[in-house]
Protein backbone atom coordinates (compact mmCIF):
# COMPACT_ATOMS: atom_id res chain seq x y z
CA MET A 1 -22.67 -115.68 88.63
CA SER A 2 -24.88 -118.52 87.41
CA GLU A 3 -27.67 -120.08 89.49
CA GLU A 4 -25.82 -123.32 90.30
CA PRO A 5 -22.71 -121.75 91.85
CA PHE A 6 -24.93 -119.44 93.92
CA ALA A 7 -26.95 -122.40 95.23
CA VAL A 8 -23.70 -124.22 96.03
CA LEU A 9 -22.36 -121.13 97.84
CA ILE A 10 -25.51 -120.83 99.99
CA ASN A 11 -25.46 -124.55 100.85
CA GLN A 12 -21.79 -124.30 101.83
CA ILE A 13 -22.53 -121.28 104.03
CA ARG A 14 -25.35 -123.20 105.73
CA ALA A 15 -22.86 -126.03 106.33
CA GLY A 16 -20.36 -123.59 107.88
CA HIS A 17 -17.59 -123.71 105.26
CA GLU A 18 -15.06 -120.94 105.90
CA ARG A 19 -14.05 -120.58 102.27
CA ALA A 20 -17.68 -119.98 101.24
CA ALA A 21 -18.07 -117.36 103.98
CA THR A 22 -14.90 -115.59 102.83
CA ASP A 23 -16.12 -115.70 99.22
CA LEU A 24 -19.50 -114.24 100.19
CA VAL A 25 -17.85 -111.44 102.18
CA ARG A 26 -15.52 -110.67 99.26
CA ARG A 27 -18.42 -110.54 96.79
CA TYR A 28 -21.03 -108.68 98.83
CA GLU A 29 -19.17 -106.51 101.34
CA PRO A 30 -18.74 -103.64 98.82
CA GLU A 31 -22.53 -103.53 98.31
CA ILE A 32 -23.15 -103.32 102.05
CA ARG A 33 -20.49 -100.67 102.65
CA ARG A 34 -21.80 -98.60 99.74
CA GLU A 35 -25.30 -98.71 101.25
CA VAL A 36 -23.96 -97.76 104.69
CA ARG A 37 -22.08 -94.77 103.26
CA PHE A 38 -25.23 -93.71 101.42
CA LEU A 39 -27.31 -93.96 104.61
CA LEU A 40 -24.72 -92.12 106.69
CA ARG A 41 -24.89 -88.82 104.81
CA ASP A 42 -25.28 -86.93 108.10
CA PRO A 43 -21.79 -85.73 109.19
CA PHE A 44 -22.63 -86.57 112.83
CA LEU A 45 -23.37 -90.16 111.89
CA ARG A 46 -20.28 -90.45 109.68
CA ARG A 47 -18.08 -89.41 112.61
CA THR A 48 -19.84 -91.87 114.90
CA PHE A 49 -20.10 -95.00 112.76
CA ASP A 50 -17.79 -96.68 110.33
CA SER A 51 -19.20 -98.62 107.39
CA MET A 52 -17.01 -101.58 108.39
CA ASP A 53 -18.62 -101.79 111.85
CA ILE A 54 -22.10 -102.02 110.43
CA CYS A 55 -20.96 -104.34 107.64
CA GLN A 56 -19.48 -106.76 110.18
CA SER A 57 -22.67 -106.64 112.23
CA VAL A 58 -24.77 -107.40 109.14
CA MET A 59 -22.50 -110.26 108.09
CA GLY A 60 -22.46 -111.69 111.61
CA SER A 61 -26.25 -111.72 111.77
CA PHE A 62 -26.49 -113.14 108.27
CA PHE A 63 -24.06 -116.01 108.85
CA LEU A 64 -25.67 -117.00 112.13
CA ARG A 65 -29.19 -116.98 110.71
CA ALA A 66 -28.07 -118.65 107.47
CA ALA A 67 -26.37 -121.43 109.44
CA LEU A 68 -29.67 -121.98 111.23
CA GLY A 69 -31.50 -122.19 107.90
CA GLU A 70 -33.67 -119.13 108.25
CA TYR A 71 -33.23 -117.72 104.74
CA ASP A 72 -34.59 -118.95 101.39
CA LEU A 73 -32.26 -117.47 98.79
CA ASP A 74 -32.66 -118.63 95.20
CA LYS A 75 -30.51 -116.12 93.35
CA PRO A 76 -27.88 -113.46 94.05
CA GLU A 77 -30.47 -110.68 93.79
CA ASP A 78 -32.36 -112.21 96.74
CA LEU A 79 -29.19 -112.12 98.83
CA ILE A 80 -28.40 -108.52 97.87
CA ARG A 81 -31.95 -107.42 98.79
CA LEU A 82 -31.70 -109.23 102.12
CA LEU A 83 -28.28 -107.75 102.95
CA ILE A 84 -29.40 -104.23 101.99
CA ARG A 85 -32.54 -104.56 104.15
CA MET A 86 -30.43 -105.84 107.07
CA THR A 87 -27.99 -102.95 106.56
CA ARG A 88 -30.75 -100.36 106.63
CA ASN A 89 -32.19 -101.87 109.80
CA LYS A 90 -28.77 -101.92 111.49
CA VAL A 91 -28.11 -98.27 110.58
CA VAL A 92 -31.54 -97.19 111.84
CA ASP A 93 -31.09 -99.12 115.11
CA ALA A 94 -27.56 -97.82 115.65
CA THR A 95 -28.67 -94.25 114.93
CA ARG A 96 -31.55 -94.50 117.40
CA ARG A 97 -29.28 -95.86 120.12
CA GLN A 98 -26.65 -93.23 119.47
CA ARG A 99 -29.11 -90.36 119.56
CA ALA A 100 -30.90 -91.78 122.60
CA GLN A 101 -27.61 -91.75 124.49
CA ARG A 102 -27.02 -88.15 123.36
CA ARG A 103 -23.32 -88.65 123.16
CA ASP A 104 -21.16 -85.65 122.56
CA HIS A 105 -19.95 -86.33 119.02
CA ARG A 106 -17.46 -83.46 119.27
CA ARG A 107 -15.21 -85.45 121.57
CA ALA A 108 -11.83 -86.10 120.05
CA THR A 109 -10.91 -89.64 119.08
CA ASN A 110 -7.43 -90.76 119.98
CA ILE A 111 -5.76 -92.24 116.90
CA GLU A 112 -4.16 -95.01 119.02
CA THR A 113 -7.60 -96.39 119.93
CA ILE A 114 -8.63 -97.01 116.33
CA GLU A 115 -8.38 -100.65 115.32
CA VAL A 116 -7.66 -101.66 111.75
CA GLN A 117 -9.88 -104.56 110.72
CA SER A 118 -9.40 -107.10 107.99
CA ALA A 119 -12.08 -108.06 105.45
CA THR A 120 -11.45 -111.74 106.22
CA PRO A 121 -12.05 -113.25 109.64
CA SER A 122 -9.09 -114.10 111.81
CA PRO A 123 -8.75 -117.61 113.25
CA SER A 124 -9.95 -116.30 116.62
CA GLN A 125 -13.02 -114.75 114.96
CA VAL A 126 -13.80 -118.07 113.28
CA VAL A 127 -13.56 -119.87 116.63
CA GLU A 128 -15.66 -117.16 118.28
CA GLY A 129 -18.30 -117.57 115.57
CA ARG A 130 -18.42 -121.32 116.07
CA GLU A 131 -18.71 -120.89 119.83
CA MET A 132 -21.52 -118.36 119.37
CA LEU A 133 -23.36 -120.76 117.07
CA ALA A 134 -23.03 -123.50 119.70
CA VAL A 135 -24.37 -121.20 122.43
CA PHE A 136 -27.17 -120.10 120.12
CA ARG A 137 -28.13 -123.68 119.26
CA ASN A 138 -28.15 -124.67 122.94
CA LYS A 139 -30.79 -122.02 123.62
CA LEU A 140 -33.11 -123.53 121.00
CA THR A 141 -35.57 -126.25 121.97
CA GLU A 142 -34.95 -129.75 120.61
CA GLU A 143 -37.66 -129.26 117.98
CA GLU A 144 -36.22 -125.87 116.95
CA ARG A 145 -32.73 -127.42 116.66
CA GLN A 146 -34.17 -130.15 114.46
CA LEU A 147 -35.75 -127.48 112.22
CA ALA A 148 -32.44 -125.61 112.03
CA ASP A 149 -30.55 -128.82 111.24
CA LEU A 150 -32.90 -129.76 108.41
CA ARG A 151 -32.70 -126.27 106.93
CA SER A 152 -28.91 -126.13 107.24
CA GLN A 153 -28.79 -129.42 105.34
CA GLY A 154 -30.58 -127.67 102.47
CA GLN A 155 -34.07 -129.12 103.04
CA GLU A 156 -36.90 -127.04 101.59
CA TRP A 157 -39.74 -126.00 103.90
CA ILE A 158 -42.17 -128.41 102.25
CA ASP A 159 -39.80 -131.31 103.01
CA VAL A 160 -39.31 -130.08 106.59
CA ALA A 161 -43.09 -130.00 107.08
CA ARG A 162 -43.41 -133.47 105.59
CA LEU A 163 -40.80 -134.83 108.02
CA MET A 164 -41.90 -132.97 111.14
CA GLY A 165 -45.59 -132.36 110.52
CA GLY A 166 -47.44 -129.08 110.17
CA THR A 167 -47.37 -126.72 107.22
CA PRO A 168 -44.27 -125.30 105.54
CA ASP A 169 -45.28 -121.75 106.47
CA ALA A 170 -45.90 -122.66 110.13
CA ARG A 171 -42.49 -124.37 110.39
CA ARG A 172 -40.77 -121.40 108.74
CA LYS A 173 -42.44 -119.01 111.18
CA GLN A 174 -41.54 -121.25 114.10
CA LEU A 175 -37.85 -121.14 113.22
CA THR A 176 -37.91 -117.40 112.51
CA ARG A 177 -39.50 -116.71 115.90
CA ALA A 178 -37.03 -118.99 117.65
CA ILE A 179 -34.07 -117.25 116.02
CA SER A 180 -35.47 -113.83 116.91
CA ARG A 181 -36.07 -114.92 120.51
CA VAL A 182 -32.56 -116.28 121.01
CA SER A 183 -30.98 -113.32 119.17
CA ALA A 184 -32.74 -110.96 121.58
CA GLU A 185 -31.67 -113.05 124.59
CA LEU A 186 -28.05 -112.94 123.47
CA GLY A 187 -28.16 -109.30 122.30
CA LEU A 188 -26.98 -110.24 118.82
CA ASP A 189 -29.03 -107.73 116.88
CA GLU A 190 -27.27 -104.78 118.46
CA LEU A 191 -24.00 -103.15 117.52
CA ASP A 192 -21.38 -103.08 120.25
CA ASP A 193 -21.23 -99.65 121.89
CA GLU A 194 -17.48 -99.62 122.37
């Protein structure tokens, strides 16, 4: 993939284009699932977690934060590194929660309770994602929303600082902290314990 199509893909994701999101999932989901399978070498963990669950959690976090303009991604390698780091963090967090609850992993799973999931989002998932983004944005302050809007429009941090004042690094940190705060409030950085 050349640099220009990657930059276009990232800008489309920031703008919320469904086709770009589907393309990104198609291209990068195998990398995430491979990393999850590598990290879940422990048979206990393999029985407890599915690579698709963690992959969907990573993608959900990525799309939300990308739409808010948190990430600076110049080339595909930057995106792969980010997704792998997010995957590792999700696996570590999920493992800690699972072990802290000391669940009996020997319990039988009823085959009727297993849901088959598609690699592309359903219309209801798209609507749910848009609703979550709206809820997320409403929890930001006006200034934080303005930062997110400028970043989602593709503005570089130096341009954001020029428009809003301050330094590029201070504005980047402000948005990162805001996203972390709201993510924690909404419980978005956790896997569902269903």
